[in-house]
Amino acid sequence: MIRKTSAEDASELMWFKSSYSDTSNPNDCVEIATTPSTIYVRDSKHTVGPSLKLTREAWASFVPYASES
């Protein structure tokens, strides 16, 4: 996992919310953007703030863990 340090890098990404987002509270969600080699994750309430930059392998390992909650 690599912490993204520059907001400029993510400015051209296409961000989207999960279809599993809680519709009763639309601000309680993360947003995801993908590139061929990287998954970016950010807080939907603070889109200009920091985001995470993960390899596809790290993301694939994280998703099953997160879905258990």
C-alpha atoms as a PDB file:
ATOM      1  CA  MET A   1       0.000   0.000   0.000  1.00  0.00           C
ATOM      2  CA  ILE A   2       1.244   3.468  -0.878  1.00  0.00           C
ATOM      3  CA  ARG A   3      -0.207   6.639   0.605  1.00  0.00           C
ATOM      4  CA  LYS A   4      -0.963   9.164  -2.119  1.00  0.00           C
ATOM      5  CA  THR A   5       0.826  12.415  -1.436  1.00  0.00           C
ATOM      6  CA  SER A   6      -0.264  14.692  -4.263  1.00  0.00           C
ATOM      7  CA  ALA A   7      -3.853  15.707  -4.983  1.00  0.00           C
ATOM      8  CA  GLU A   8      -2.840  16.557  -8.574  1.00  0.00           C
ATOM      9  CA  ASP A   9      -2.213  12.895  -9.370  1.00  0.00           C
ATOM     10  CA  ALA A  10      -5.834  11.960  -8.686  1.00  0.00           C
ATOM     11  CA  SER A  11      -7.496  14.954 -10.319  1.00  0.00           C
ATOM     12  CA  GLU A  12      -8.034  13.211 -13.660  1.00  0.00           C
ATOM     13  CA  LEU A  13      -9.343   9.935 -12.255  1.00  0.00           C
ATOM     14  CA  MET A  14     -12.954   8.814 -12.689  1.00  0.00           C
ATOM     15  CA  TRP A  15     -14.228   8.348  -9.120  1.00  0.00           C
ATOM     16  CA  PHE A  16     -17.317   6.300  -8.218  1.00  0.00           C
ATOM     17  CA  LYS A  17     -19.141   5.075  -5.131  1.00  0.00           C
ATOM     18  CA  SER A  18     -19.903   1.448  -4.482  1.00  0.00           C
ATOM     19  CA  SER A  19     -23.331   0.145  -5.420  1.00  0.00           C
ATOM     20  CA  TYR A  20     -23.380  -1.199  -1.839  1.00  0.00           C
ATOM     21  CA  SER A  21     -23.244   2.315  -0.366  1.00  0.00           C
ATOM     22  CA  ASP A  22     -25.848   3.083   2.276  1.00  0.00           C
ATOM     23  CA  THR A  23     -28.450   5.186   0.464  1.00  0.00           C
ATOM     24  CA  SER A  24     -29.897   6.461   3.768  1.00  0.00           C
ATOM     25  CA  ASN A  25     -26.636   8.338   4.345  1.00  0.00           C
ATOM     26  CA  PRO A  26     -25.004   9.112   0.973  1.00  0.00           C
ATOM     27  CA  ASN A  27     -22.024  10.823   2.628  1.00  0.00           C
ATOM     28  CA  ASP A  28     -21.064   7.707   4.572  1.00  0.00           C
ATOM     29  CA  CYS A  29     -19.021   6.100   1.851  1.00  0.00           C
ATOM     30  CA  VAL A  30     -15.685   5.776   0.182  1.00  0.00           C
ATOM     31  CA  GLU A  31     -15.055   6.430  -3.485  1.00  0.00           C
ATOM     32  CA  ILE A  32     -12.898   4.311  -5.769  1.00  0.00           C
ATOM     33  CA  ALA A  33     -10.978   5.108  -8.951  1.00  0.00           C
ATOM     34  CA  THR A  34      -9.047   2.572 -10.997  1.00  0.00           C
ATOM     35  CA  THR A  35      -6.164   2.536 -13.426  1.00  0.00           C
ATOM     36  CA  PRO A  36      -4.666  -0.547 -15.078  1.00  0.00           C
ATOM     37  CA  SER A  37      -2.265  -1.082 -12.166  1.00  0.00           C
ATOM     38  CA  THR A  38      -3.698   0.880  -9.222  1.00  0.00           C
ATOM     39  CA  ILE A  39      -6.831   1.285  -7.105  1.00  0.00           C
ATOM     40  CA  TYR A  40      -7.350   4.678  -5.455  1.00  0.00           C
ATOM     41  CA  VAL A  41      -9.622   5.059  -2.404  1.00  0.00           C
ATOM     42  CA  ARG A  42     -10.837   8.314  -0.834  1.00  0.00           C
ATOM     43  CA  ASP A  43     -13.420   9.566   1.651  1.00  0.00           C
ATOM     44  CA  SER A  44     -16.514  10.778  -0.196  1.00  0.00           C
ATOM     45  CA  LYS A  45     -17.001  13.555   2.385  1.00  0.00           C
ATOM     46  CA  HIS A  46     -13.504  14.960   1.865  1.00  0.00           C
ATOM     47  CA  THR A  47     -12.672  14.508  -1.816  1.00  0.00           C
ATOM     48  CA  VAL A  48      -9.844  17.054  -1.822  1.00  0.00           C
ATOM     49  CA  GLY A  49      -8.158  15.324   1.100  1.00  0.00           C
ATOM     50  CA  PRO A  50      -5.704  12.443   1.030  1.00  0.00           C
ATOM     51  CA  SER A  51      -6.461   9.180  -0.700  1.00  0.00           C
ATOM     52  CA  LEU A  52      -4.937   5.737  -0.640  1.00  0.00           C
ATOM     53  CA  LYS A  53      -3.161   4.249  -3.625  1.00  0.00           C
ATOM     54  CA  LEU A  54      -3.133   0.450  -3.617  1.00  0.00           C
ATOM     55  CA  THR A  55      -1.853  -2.194  -5.971  1.00  0.00           C
ATOM     56  CA  ARG A  56      -4.525  -4.412  -7.487  1.00  0.00           C
ATOM     57  CA  GLU A  57      -3.128  -7.296  -5.442  1.00  0.00           C
ATOM     58  CA  ALA A  58      -3.482  -5.349  -2.178  1.00  0.00           C
ATOM     59  CA  TRP A  59      -7.045  -4.365  -3.105  1.00  0.00           C
ATOM     60  CA  ALA A  60      -7.948  -7.967  -3.958  1.00  0.00           C
ATOM     61  CA  SER A  61      -6.673  -9.045  -0.530  1.00  0.00           C
ATOM     62  CA  PHE A  62      -8.552  -6.261   1.277  1.00  0.00           C
ATOM     63  CA  VAL A  63     -12.028  -6.667  -0.276  1.00  0.00           C
ATOM     64  CA  PRO A  64     -12.869 -10.094   1.224  1.00  0.00           C
ATOM     65  CA  TYR A  65     -11.711  -8.854   4.639  1.00  0.00           C
ATOM     66  CA  ALA A  66     -13.837  -5.685   4.421  1.00  0.00           C
ATOM     67  CA  SER A  67     -16.929  -7.577   3.253  1.00  0.00           C
ATOM     68  CA  GLU A  68     -16.951  -9.657   6.450  1.00  0.00           C
ATOM     69  CA  SER A  69     -17.982  -6.639   8.560  1.00  0.00           C
END
